[in-house]
Structures are given as structure tokens and as C-alpha cells.
């Protein structure tokens, strides 16, 4: 008898990148100096097939972790829908997810910082871009930006 269960399927790197582009937030995972894992949600934007950016305050645990070990893992889910399959009396989820591994480095060049912050604003608040230059002139020096350069192609999975 053939199983009626839908299996997850692997997605290529282009589809995985699309998931990162559509996910409302991404979880970044790193390692504390004590060896204990540390993960948190961030607002992430992609520049190209291997470069991502996020911004944060200029101090905190994530910065300590990145200084200790700059290798990070990213994970994102762009769709996740709980489903009850009444004909099989089965609980499941339909989803699209992606993971990636990369090296995280602080951006110190102001031109690259502005480019990254512009990409973030265009992604998350495009309707307010007319205020971008004013915000940059006020906060560029107190905003920390990190670049994540993928060290291997991202992978994705889906079940729908």
C-alpha cells in the first residue's frame, strides 16, 4: 500500500534565496565564547547571491559572539501553515524554509554601510524612502552594520 503522506522536497539555492527574501525575519545562530549556542531573530536583506546585511546597536551579546567566532548560520521560513488532513486524520504543516552558513563581519566603510541600510529600508519600509537621507545623516555613526558572506550555497525545503 502506497503512503499518502506528502514528503518534504529539497529546493535549490535560487529558491532558498527567494525564501530569505520573503521571510519576515531570519534567525541568526552563533556560538557564545562559552560554547553555548545563541540565536535570535534579525531583519535581514540580501544584496546578491552570497551577501546579506543586518544592522544593530554597537554593543551586545551578538557582537561578542561574532567577535569570538564569525561563522554564523541563518534560517528562515517564508510560509508556514498548520494543516489538518481530515481524510487521513493527520496533523502536518506546509512550509518553505531555507538555511545558509556564512562568515559575519562588521562593515566599517561608510559607503557600504549606507548601501546596506538603503537595502534594508527599501525592503522593509519602501514607502518612507523620502526620509532616508535625513535618517542616515542623523544615525549613520551610531548604527552598526554587519555583512554575512555565504561560505556555501544555501539550501531549502518545502512541503505544500
C-alpha atoms as a PDB file:
ATOM      1  CA  UNK A   1       0.000   0.000   0.000  1.00  0.00           C
ATOM      2  CA  UNK A   2       1.443   3.374  -1.042  1.00  0.00           C
ATOM      3  CA  UNK A   3       1.742   6.070   1.626  1.00  0.00           C
ATOM      4  CA  UNK A   4      -0.437   9.142   1.153  1.00  0.00           C
ATOM      5  CA  UNK A   5       1.966  11.305   3.144  1.00  0.00           C
ATOM      6  CA  UNK A   6       3.496  14.238   1.278  1.00  0.00           C
ATOM      7  CA  UNK A   7       7.229  14.295   1.777  1.00  0.00           C
ATOM      8  CA  UNK A   8       9.364  17.376   2.068  1.00  0.00           C
ATOM      9  CA  UNK A   9      11.301  18.190  -1.038  1.00  0.00           C
ATOM     10  CA  UNK A  10      14.691  19.818  -1.402  1.00  0.00           C
ATOM     11  CA  UNK A  11      14.924  23.220  -3.062  1.00  0.00           C
ATOM     12  CA  UNK A  12      17.886  24.607  -4.967  1.00  0.00           C
ATOM     13  CA  UNK A  13      19.898  27.626  -3.899  1.00  0.00           C
ATOM     14  CA  UNK A  14      17.873  30.097  -6.020  1.00  0.00           C
ATOM     15  CA  UNK A  15      14.653  29.024  -4.313  1.00  0.00           C
ATOM     16  CA  UNK A  16      16.385  29.131  -0.912  1.00  0.00           C
ATOM     17  CA  UNK A  17      17.472  32.721  -1.610  1.00  0.00           C
ATOM     18  CA  UNK A  18      13.881  33.590  -2.544  1.00  0.00           C
ATOM     19  CA  UNK A  19      12.734  32.246   0.831  1.00  0.00           C
ATOM     20  CA  UNK A  20      15.242  34.514   2.605  1.00  0.00           C
ATOM     21  CA  UNK A  21      13.928  37.429   0.520  1.00  0.00           C
ATOM     22  CA  UNK A  22      10.315  36.781   1.534  1.00  0.00           C
ATOM     23  CA  UNK A  23      10.721  35.763   5.177  1.00  0.00           C
ATOM     24  CA  UNK A  24       9.578  38.490   7.581  1.00  0.00           C
ATOM     25  CA  UNK A  25      12.640  37.828   9.727  1.00  0.00           C
ATOM     26  CA  UNK A  26      15.592  35.441   9.796  1.00  0.00           C
ATOM     27  CA  UNK A  27      17.123  33.659  12.745  1.00  0.00           C
ATOM     28  CA  UNK A  28      20.871  34.045  13.076  1.00  0.00           C
ATOM     29  CA  UNK A  29      22.623  31.403  15.157  1.00  0.00           C
ATOM     30  CA  UNK A  30      26.089  31.747  16.543  1.00  0.00           C
ATOM     31  CA  UNK A  31      28.256  30.467  19.356  1.00  0.00           C
ATOM     32  CA  UNK A  32      28.938  32.178  22.674  1.00  0.00           C
ATOM     33  CA  UNK A  33      32.544  32.172  23.922  1.00  0.00           C
ATOM     34  CA  UNK A  34      31.389  29.567  26.483  1.00  0.00           C
ATOM     35  CA  UNK A  35      30.434  27.226  23.622  1.00  0.00           C
ATOM     36  CA  UNK A  36      26.698  27.596  24.260  1.00  0.00           C
ATOM     37  CA  UNK A  37      24.600  28.316  21.148  1.00  0.00           C
ATOM     38  CA  UNK A  38      22.941  31.697  20.781  1.00  0.00           C
ATOM     39  CA  UNK A  39      20.233  32.506  18.246  1.00  0.00           C
ATOM     40  CA  UNK A  40      17.956  35.460  17.672  1.00  0.00           C
ATOM     41  CA  UNK A  41      15.665  36.911  15.005  1.00  0.00           C
ATOM     42  CA  UNK A  42      17.029  39.697  12.812  1.00  0.00           C
ATOM     43  CA  UNK A  43      15.822  41.801   9.901  1.00  0.00           C
ATOM     44  CA  UNK A  44      18.000  40.627   7.029  1.00  0.00           C
ATOM     45  CA  UNK A  45      18.399  41.874   3.480  1.00  0.00           C
ATOM     46  CA  UNK A  46      20.200  40.249   0.567  1.00  0.00           C
ATOM     47  CA  UNK A  47      22.453  42.199  -1.787  1.00  0.00           C
ATOM     48  CA  UNK A  48      23.350  39.368  -4.183  1.00  0.00           C
ATOM     49  CA  UNK A  49      23.619  35.563  -4.260  1.00  0.00           C
ATOM     50  CA  UNK A  50      26.147  35.461  -1.423  1.00  0.00           C
ATOM     51  CA  UNK A  51      25.900  38.737   0.550  1.00  0.00           C
ATOM     52  CA  UNK A  52      23.425  39.611   3.311  1.00  0.00           C
ATOM     53  CA  UNK A  53      23.265  42.574   5.716  1.00  0.00           C
ATOM     54  CA  UNK A  54      21.696  43.370   9.069  1.00  0.00           C
ATOM     55  CA  UNK A  55      22.041  46.268  11.491  1.00  0.00           C
ATOM     56  CA  UNK A  56      22.088  46.527  15.265  1.00  0.00           C
ATOM     57  CA  UNK A  57      23.281  48.568  18.219  1.00  0.00           C
ATOM     58  CA  UNK A  58      27.027  48.861  18.721  1.00  0.00           C
ATOM     59  CA  UNK A  59      27.164  46.559  21.743  1.00  0.00           C
ATOM     60  CA  UNK A  60      25.553  43.372  22.965  1.00  0.00           C
ATOM     61  CA  UNK A  61      25.817  39.641  23.064  1.00  0.00           C
ATOM     62  CA  UNK A  62      25.555  39.085  19.306  1.00  0.00           C
ATOM     63  CA  UNK A  63      28.600  41.295  18.745  1.00  0.00           C
ATOM     64  CA  UNK A  64      30.534  39.396  21.415  1.00  0.00           C
ATOM     65  CA  UNK A  65      29.600  36.102  19.754  1.00  0.00           C
ATOM     66  CA  UNK A  66      30.607  37.294  16.276  1.00  0.00           C
ATOM     67  CA  UNK A  67      33.966  38.528  17.590  1.00  0.00           C
ATOM     68  CA  UNK A  68      34.507  35.122  19.210  1.00  0.00           C
ATOM     69  CA  UNK A  69      33.505  33.115  16.116  1.00  0.00           C
ATOM     70  CA  UNK A  70      32.387  34.888  12.927  1.00  0.00           C
ATOM     71  CA  UNK A  71      30.809  31.776  11.375  1.00  0.00           C
ATOM     72  CA  UNK A  72      27.013  32.006  11.614  1.00  0.00           C
ATOM     73  CA  UNK A  73      24.007  30.021  10.482  1.00  0.00           C
ATOM     74  CA  UNK A  74      20.886  31.629   9.029  1.00  0.00           C
ATOM     75  CA  UNK A  75      17.435  30.062   8.930  1.00  0.00           C
ATOM     76  CA  UNK A  76      14.204  31.442   7.546  1.00  0.00           C
ATOM     77  CA  UNK A  77      10.626  30.329   6.958  1.00  0.00           C
ATOM     78  CA  UNK A  78       8.606  32.259   4.393  1.00  0.00           C
ATOM     79  CA  UNK A  79       5.386  30.255   4.676  1.00  0.00           C
ATOM     80  CA  UNK A  80       4.207  28.022   7.469  1.00  0.00           C
ATOM     81  CA  UNK A  81       0.644  26.819   7.602  1.00  0.00           C
ATOM     82  CA  UNK A  82      -0.622  24.199  10.061  1.00  0.00           C
ATOM     83  CA  UNK A  83      -2.859  21.715   8.240  1.00  0.00           C
ATOM     84  CA  UNK A  84      -5.252  19.018   9.431  1.00  0.00           C
ATOM     85  CA  UNK A  85      -5.746  16.366   6.764  1.00  0.00           C
ATOM     86  CA  UNK A  86      -9.193  15.082   7.714  1.00  0.00           C
ATOM     87  CA  UNK A  87      -9.179  12.184   5.252  1.00  0.00           C
ATOM     88  CA  UNK A  88      -6.056  10.781   6.977  1.00  0.00           C
ATOM     89  CA  UNK A  89      -6.745  12.222  10.433  1.00  0.00           C
ATOM     90  CA  UNK A  90      -3.262  13.678  10.250  1.00  0.00           C
ATOM     91  CA  UNK A  91      -1.719  16.879  11.601  1.00  0.00           C
ATOM     92  CA  UNK A  92       1.040  18.422   9.500  1.00  0.00           C
ATOM     93  CA  UNK A  93       2.471  21.710   8.294  1.00  0.00           C
ATOM     94  CA  UNK A  94       3.024  23.133   4.867  1.00  0.00           C
ATOM     95  CA  UNK A  95       6.163  25.273   4.777  1.00  0.00           C
ATOM     96  CA  UNK A  96       9.039  26.745   2.807  1.00  0.00           C
ATOM     97  CA  UNK A  97      12.305  27.064   4.703  1.00  0.00           C
ATOM     98  CA  UNK A  98      15.950  27.817   3.983  1.00  0.00           C
ATOM     99  CA  UNK A  99      19.280  27.645   5.769  1.00  0.00           C
ATOM    100  CA  UNK A 100      22.684  29.089   4.981  1.00  0.00           C
ATOM    101  CA  UNK A 101      26.143  29.250   6.531  1.00  0.00           C
ATOM    102  CA  UNK A 102      28.373  32.298   6.278  1.00  0.00           C
ATOM    103  CA  UNK A 103      31.067  34.495   7.709  1.00  0.00           C
ATOM    104  CA  UNK A 104      29.859  37.605   9.539  1.00  0.00           C
ATOM    105  CA  UNK A 105      31.947  40.790   9.578  1.00  0.00           C
ATOM    106  CA  UNK A 106      31.312  44.324  10.722  1.00  0.00           C
ATOM    107  CA  UNK A 107      31.089  46.867   7.909  1.00  0.00           C
ATOM    108  CA  UNK A 108      33.306  49.884   8.581  1.00  0.00           C
ATOM    109  CA  UNK A 109      33.199  51.573   5.183  1.00  0.00           C
ATOM    110  CA  UNK A 110      30.516  54.300   5.260  1.00  0.00           C
ATOM    111  CA  UNK A 111      29.550  53.842   1.599  1.00  0.00           C
ATOM    112  CA  UNK A 112      28.888  50.137   2.145  1.00  0.00           C
ATOM    113  CA  UNK A 113      27.005  50.877   5.389  1.00  0.00           C
ATOM    114  CA  UNK A 114      24.754  53.341   3.569  1.00  0.00           C
ATOM    115  CA  UNK A 115      24.178  50.839   0.755  1.00  0.00           C
ATOM    116  CA  UNK A 116      23.235  48.144   3.280  1.00  0.00           C
ATOM    117  CA  UNK A 117      20.915  50.455   5.220  1.00  0.00           C
ATOM    118  CA  UNK A 118      19.290  51.623   1.980  1.00  0.00           C
ATOM    119  CA  UNK A 119      18.661  47.978   1.004  1.00  0.00           C
ATOM    120  CA  UNK A 120      17.142  47.294   4.437  1.00  0.00           C
ATOM    121  CA  UNK A 121      14.866  50.348   4.236  1.00  0.00           C
ATOM    122  CA  UNK A 122      13.825  49.542   0.660  1.00  0.00           C
ATOM    123  CA  UNK A 123      12.920  46.025   1.734  1.00  0.00           C
ATOM    124  CA  UNK A 124      11.057  46.757   4.951  1.00  0.00           C
ATOM    125  CA  UNK A 125       9.788  50.367   4.638  1.00  0.00           C
ATOM    126  CA  UNK A 126       9.883  51.379   0.964  1.00  0.00           C
ATOM    127  CA  UNK A 127       7.022  53.858   1.412  1.00  0.00           C
ATOM    128  CA  UNK A 128       9.267  56.052   3.608  1.00  0.00           C
ATOM    129  CA  UNK A 129      12.380  56.293   1.433  1.00  0.00           C
ATOM    130  CA  UNK A 130      11.996  60.078   1.108  1.00  0.00           C
ATOM    131  CA  UNK A 131      13.243  60.284   4.738  1.00  0.00           C
ATOM    132  CA  UNK A 132      16.259  58.024   4.211  1.00  0.00           C
ATOM    133  CA  UNK A 133      18.927  60.729   3.704  1.00  0.00           C
ATOM    134  CA  UNK A 134      17.830  62.626   6.812  1.00  0.00           C
ATOM    135  CA  UNK A 135      17.861  59.441   8.910  1.00  0.00           C
ATOM    136  CA  UNK A 136      21.321  58.489   7.608  1.00  0.00           C
ATOM    137  CA  UNK A 137      22.775  61.918   8.390  1.00  0.00           C
ATOM    138  CA  UNK A 138      21.455  61.618  11.947  1.00  0.00           C
ATOM    139  CA  UNK A 139      22.269  57.981  12.758  1.00  0.00           C
ATOM    140  CA  UNK A 140      24.996  56.561  10.497  1.00  0.00           C
ATOM    141  CA  UNK A 141      27.745  56.973  13.088  1.00  0.00           C
ATOM    142  CA  UNK A 142      25.774  55.178  15.810  1.00  0.00           C
ATOM    143  CA  UNK A 143      24.461  52.321  13.647  1.00  0.00           C
ATOM    144  CA  UNK A 144      26.386  49.075  13.362  1.00  0.00           C
ATOM    145  CA  UNK A 145      26.053  47.085  10.148  1.00  0.00           C
ATOM    146  CA  UNK A 146      27.185  43.520   9.584  1.00  0.00           C
ATOM    147  CA  UNK A 147      27.802  41.714   6.305  1.00  0.00           C
ATOM    148  CA  UNK A 148      27.318  37.964   6.049  1.00  0.00           C
ATOM    149  CA  UNK A 149      29.135  36.362   3.137  1.00  0.00           C
ATOM    150  CA  UNK A 150      27.886  32.847   2.440  1.00  0.00           C
ATOM    151  CA  UNK A 151      30.581  30.196   2.560  1.00  0.00           C
ATOM    152  CA  UNK A 152      28.445  27.538   0.891  1.00  0.00           C
ATOM    153  CA  UNK A 153      25.280  27.595  -1.226  1.00  0.00           C
ATOM    154  CA  UNK A 154      22.032  27.960   0.728  1.00  0.00           C
ATOM    155  CA  UNK A 155      19.565  25.081   0.770  1.00  0.00           C
ATOM    156  CA  UNK A 156      15.832  24.964   1.163  1.00  0.00           C
ATOM    157  CA  UNK A 157      12.959  22.573   1.829  1.00  0.00           C
ATOM    158  CA  UNK A 158       9.267  22.745   1.269  1.00  0.00           C
ATOM    159  CA  UNK A 159       6.127  20.772   1.879  1.00  0.00           C
ATOM    160  CA  UNK A 160       2.939  22.020   0.239  1.00  0.00           C
END
